[in-house]
């Protein structure tokens, strides 16, 4: 299955991923990302070139974990920009759009996960098991 992402969404997610990966290298004063989230973001970063192919429900869940962590980070960045500048300041507005574009992708990714789980259930007659989550392949 394909998760369509426009240029602004890819750019916002890339910015958030770079920020998280930069923080996790200990080069900033904030607490580093938890290792599972950092790994998910690290795996997502090179894929941020356009639309995302999602082959299994496990892949969807890993993408969701990464994008959710990016959204949380970008929300924090937006809040900081608003408080440190002004709600209409260029930095605050840019931070809002990065957050909003990433949040929109997260919403579509969650919906895709629900659709994929429903397809698995229709095809197998039961909710997705851990084995099926890893092995059931979805075409692009």
C-alpha atoms as a PDB file:
ATOM      1  CA  UNK A   1       0.000   0.000   0.000  1.00  0.00           C
ATOM      2  CA  UNK A   2       1.147   3.544  -0.618  1.00  0.00           C
ATOM      3  CA  UNK A   3       0.921   6.427   1.839  1.00  0.00           C
ATOM      4  CA  UNK A   4       0.917   9.557  -0.314  1.00  0.00           C
ATOM      5  CA  UNK A   5       2.993  12.426   1.067  1.00  0.00           C
ATOM      6  CA  UNK A   6       3.339  15.833  -0.536  1.00  0.00           C
ATOM      7  CA  UNK A   7       6.505  17.924  -0.622  1.00  0.00           C
ATOM      8  CA  UNK A   8       5.617  19.981   2.464  1.00  0.00           C
ATOM      9  CA  UNK A   9       4.851  16.853   4.486  1.00  0.00           C
ATOM     10  CA  UNK A  10       8.104  15.157   3.489  1.00  0.00           C
ATOM     11  CA  UNK A  11      10.032  18.335   4.295  1.00  0.00           C
ATOM     12  CA  UNK A  12       8.390  18.695   7.724  1.00  0.00           C
ATOM     13  CA  UNK A  13       8.959  15.031   8.606  1.00  0.00           C
ATOM     14  CA  UNK A  14      12.575  15.276   7.439  1.00  0.00           C
ATOM     15  CA  UNK A  15      13.125  18.334   9.631  1.00  0.00           C
ATOM     16  CA  UNK A  16      11.641  16.552  12.647  1.00  0.00           C
ATOM     17  CA  UNK A  17      13.666  13.397  11.976  1.00  0.00           C
ATOM     18  CA  UNK A  18      16.913  15.369  11.659  1.00  0.00           C
ATOM     19  CA  UNK A  19      16.175  17.189  14.915  1.00  0.00           C
ATOM     20  CA  UNK A  20      15.512  13.944  16.796  1.00  0.00           C
ATOM     21  CA  UNK A  21      18.551  12.179  15.376  1.00  0.00           C
ATOM     22  CA  UNK A  22      20.722  15.224  16.131  1.00  0.00           C
ATOM     23  CA  UNK A  23      19.448  15.245  19.740  1.00  0.00           C
ATOM     24  CA  UNK A  24      20.064  11.521  20.113  1.00  0.00           C
ATOM     25  CA  UNK A  25      23.734  12.058  19.264  1.00  0.00           C
ATOM     26  CA  UNK A  26      24.012  14.094  22.449  1.00  0.00           C
ATOM     27  CA  UNK A  27      24.741  17.328  20.600  1.00  0.00           C
ATOM     28  CA  UNK A  28      21.993  19.323  22.288  1.00  0.00           C
ATOM     29  CA  UNK A  29      20.912  20.023  25.818  1.00  0.00           C
ATOM     30  CA  UNK A  30      17.632  18.086  25.684  1.00  0.00           C
ATOM     31  CA  UNK A  31      16.972  14.509  26.700  1.00  0.00           C
ATOM     32  CA  UNK A  32      17.642  12.023  23.909  1.00  0.00           C
ATOM     33  CA  UNK A  33      14.812  10.069  22.318  1.00  0.00           C
ATOM     34  CA  UNK A  34      14.031   6.603  23.719  1.00  0.00           C
ATOM     35  CA  UNK A  35      15.945   3.967  21.780  1.00  0.00           C
ATOM     36  CA  UNK A  36      12.851   2.366  20.146  1.00  0.00           C
ATOM     37  CA  UNK A  37      11.616   5.731  18.891  1.00  0.00           C
ATOM     38  CA  UNK A  38      15.108   6.779  17.822  1.00  0.00           C
ATOM     39  CA  UNK A  39      15.496   3.520  15.875  1.00  0.00           C
ATOM     40  CA  UNK A  40      12.103   3.990  14.195  1.00  0.00           C
ATOM     41  CA  UNK A  41      12.962   7.573  13.238  1.00  0.00           C
ATOM     42  CA  UNK A  42      16.400   6.478  12.031  1.00  0.00           C
ATOM     43  CA  UNK A  43      14.804   3.839   9.802  1.00  0.00           C
ATOM     44  CA  UNK A  44      12.251   6.329   8.469  1.00  0.00           C
ATOM     45  CA  UNK A  45      14.677   9.161   7.670  1.00  0.00           C
ATOM     46  CA  UNK A  46      16.189   7.677   4.474  1.00  0.00           C
ATOM     47  CA  UNK A  47      12.700   6.806   3.196  1.00  0.00           C
ATOM     48  CA  UNK A  48      11.567  10.438   3.307  1.00  0.00           C
ATOM     49  CA  UNK A  49      11.904  11.126  -0.390  1.00  0.00           C
ATOM     50  CA  UNK A  50       8.228  11.034  -1.384  1.00  0.00           C
ATOM     51  CA  UNK A  51       5.337   8.624  -1.014  1.00  0.00           C
ATOM     52  CA  UNK A  52       5.906   5.780   1.452  1.00  0.00           C
ATOM     53  CA  UNK A  53       5.383   2.137   0.490  1.00  0.00           C
ATOM     54  CA  UNK A  54       3.889   0.116   3.343  1.00  0.00           C
ATOM     55  CA  UNK A  55       4.221  -3.632   2.779  1.00  0.00           C
ATOM     56  CA  UNK A  56       3.116  -5.157   6.097  1.00  0.00           C
ATOM     57  CA  UNK A  57       1.109  -4.158   9.139  1.00  0.00           C
ATOM     58  CA  UNK A  58       4.372  -4.357  11.113  1.00  0.00           C
ATOM     59  CA  UNK A  59       5.871  -1.808   8.706  1.00  0.00           C
ATOM     60  CA  UNK A  60       2.834   0.451   9.188  1.00  0.00           C
ATOM     61  CA  UNK A  61       3.167   0.225  12.964  1.00  0.00           C
ATOM     62  CA  UNK A  62       6.864   1.079  12.851  1.00  0.00           C
ATOM     63  CA  UNK A  63       6.147   4.045  10.572  1.00  0.00           C
ATOM     64  CA  UNK A  64       3.393   5.180  12.932  1.00  0.00           C
ATOM     65  CA  UNK A  65       5.778   4.981  15.915  1.00  0.00           C
ATOM     66  CA  UNK A  66       8.347   7.117  14.087  1.00  0.00           C
ATOM     67  CA  UNK A  67       5.881   9.711  12.776  1.00  0.00           C
ATOM     68  CA  UNK A  68       4.158   9.970  16.158  1.00  0.00           C
ATOM     69  CA  UNK A  69       7.485  10.687  17.828  1.00  0.00           C
ATOM     70  CA  UNK A  70       8.295  13.303  15.182  1.00  0.00           C
ATOM     71  CA  UNK A  71       4.878  14.938  15.711  1.00  0.00           C
ATOM     72  CA  UNK A  72       5.460  15.111  19.478  1.00  0.00           C
ATOM     73  CA  UNK A  73       8.867  16.709  18.902  1.00  0.00           C
ATOM     74  CA  UNK A  74       7.524  19.203  16.366  1.00  0.00           C
ATOM     75  CA  UNK A  75       4.644  20.136  18.692  1.00  0.00           C
ATOM     76  CA  UNK A  76       7.177  20.900  21.426  1.00  0.00           C
ATOM     77  CA  UNK A  77       9.218  22.950  18.935  1.00  0.00           C
ATOM     78  CA  UNK A  78       6.083  24.879  17.897  1.00  0.00           C
ATOM     79  CA  UNK A  79       5.096  25.600  21.496  1.00  0.00           C
ATOM     80  CA  UNK A  80       8.595  26.848  22.270  1.00  0.00           C
ATOM     81  CA  UNK A  81       8.653  29.099  19.199  1.00  0.00           C
ATOM     82  CA  UNK A  82       5.289  30.646  20.099  1.00  0.00           C
ATOM     83  CA  UNK A  83       6.325  31.293  23.696  1.00  0.00           C
ATOM     84  CA  UNK A  84       9.779  32.619  22.871  1.00  0.00           C
ATOM     85  CA  UNK A  85       8.722  34.878  19.994  1.00  0.00           C
ATOM     86  CA  UNK A  86       5.139  35.721  19.085  1.00  0.00           C
ATOM     87  CA  UNK A  87       2.321  33.585  17.624  1.00  0.00           C
ATOM     88  CA  UNK A  88       2.614  35.467  14.328  1.00  0.00           C
ATOM     89  CA  UNK A  89       6.419  35.461  14.215  1.00  0.00           C
ATOM     90  CA  UNK A  90       7.897  33.776  11.163  1.00  0.00           C
ATOM     91  CA  UNK A  91       9.637  31.130  13.285  1.00  0.00           C
ATOM     92  CA  UNK A  92       6.406  30.273  15.138  1.00  0.00           C
ATOM     93  CA  UNK A  93       4.375  30.085  11.929  1.00  0.00           C
ATOM     94  CA  UNK A  94       6.981  27.853  10.257  1.00  0.00           C
ATOM     95  CA  UNK A  95       7.009  25.596  13.330  1.00  0.00           C
ATOM     96  CA  UNK A  96       3.211  25.399  13.223  1.00  0.00           C
ATOM     97  CA  UNK A  97       3.225  24.303   9.584  1.00  0.00           C
ATOM     98  CA  UNK A  98       5.915  21.668  10.222  1.00  0.00           C
ATOM     99  CA  UNK A  99       3.808  20.303  13.069  1.00  0.00           C
ATOM    100  CA  UNK A 100       0.535  20.472  11.110  1.00  0.00           C
ATOM    101  CA  UNK A 101       1.916  18.755   8.000  1.00  0.00           C
ATOM    102  CA  UNK A 102       3.424  15.958  10.107  1.00  0.00           C
ATOM    103  CA  UNK A 103       0.227  15.603  12.130  1.00  0.00           C
ATOM    104  CA  UNK A 104      -1.779  15.220   8.910  1.00  0.00           C
ATOM    105  CA  UNK A 105       0.525  12.379   7.813  1.00  0.00           C
ATOM    106  CA  UNK A 106       0.097  10.722  11.217  1.00  0.00           C
ATOM    107  CA  UNK A 107      -3.688  10.831  10.823  1.00  0.00           C
ATOM    108  CA  UNK A 108      -3.536   9.219   7.381  1.00  0.00           C
ATOM    109  CA  UNK A 109      -1.033   6.637   8.603  1.00  0.00           C
ATOM    110  CA  UNK A 110      -3.314   5.635  11.481  1.00  0.00           C
ATOM    111  CA  UNK A 111      -6.245   5.308   9.074  1.00  0.00           C
ATOM    112  CA  UNK A 112      -4.107   3.176   6.780  1.00  0.00           C
ATOM    113  CA  UNK A 113      -3.297   0.916   9.725  1.00  0.00           C
ATOM    114  CA  UNK A 114      -6.986   0.472  10.530  1.00  0.00           C
ATOM    115  CA  UNK A 115      -7.688  -0.365   6.882  1.00  0.00           C
ATOM    116  CA  UNK A 116      -4.822  -2.848   6.741  1.00  0.00           C
ATOM    117  CA  UNK A 117      -5.981  -4.564   9.938  1.00  0.00           C
ATOM    118  CA  UNK A 118      -9.521  -4.793   8.524  1.00  0.00           C
ATOM    119  CA  UNK A 119      -8.223  -6.348   5.302  1.00  0.00           C
ATOM    120  CA  UNK A 120      -6.245  -8.918   7.284  1.00  0.00           C
ATOM    121  CA  UNK A 121      -9.331  -9.729   9.342  1.00  0.00           C
ATOM    122  CA  UNK A 122     -11.495 -10.157   6.227  1.00  0.00           C
ATOM    123  CA  UNK A 123      -8.864 -12.335   4.539  1.00  0.00           C
ATOM    124  CA  UNK A 124      -8.028 -14.537   7.549  1.00  0.00           C
ATOM    125  CA  UNK A 125     -11.301 -14.466   9.476  1.00  0.00           C
ATOM    126  CA  UNK A 126      -9.648 -13.210  12.678  1.00  0.00           C
ATOM    127  CA  UNK A 127      -7.885 -10.128  14.014  1.00  0.00           C
ATOM    128  CA  UNK A 128      -4.226  -9.848  13.002  1.00  0.00           C
ATOM    129  CA  UNK A 129      -1.892 -12.064  15.039  1.00  0.00           C
ATOM    130  CA  UNK A 130       1.768 -11.179  15.562  1.00  0.00           C
ATOM    131  CA  UNK A 131       2.743 -13.711  12.906  1.00  0.00           C
ATOM    132  CA  UNK A 132       0.285 -12.260  10.385  1.00  0.00           C
ATOM    133  CA  UNK A 133       1.336  -8.698  11.218  1.00  0.00           C
ATOM    134  CA  UNK A 134       4.868  -9.594  10.112  1.00  0.00           C
ATOM    135  CA  UNK A 135       4.076 -11.854   7.176  1.00  0.00           C
ATOM    136  CA  UNK A 136       0.882 -10.663   5.431  1.00  0.00           C
ATOM    137  CA  UNK A 137       2.125  -8.689   2.411  1.00  0.00           C
ATOM    138  CA  UNK A 138       0.137  -5.814   0.917  1.00  0.00           C
ATOM    139  CA  UNK A 139       0.704  -4.897  -2.727  1.00  0.00           C
ATOM    140  CA  UNK A 140       1.711  -1.382  -3.686  1.00  0.00           C
END
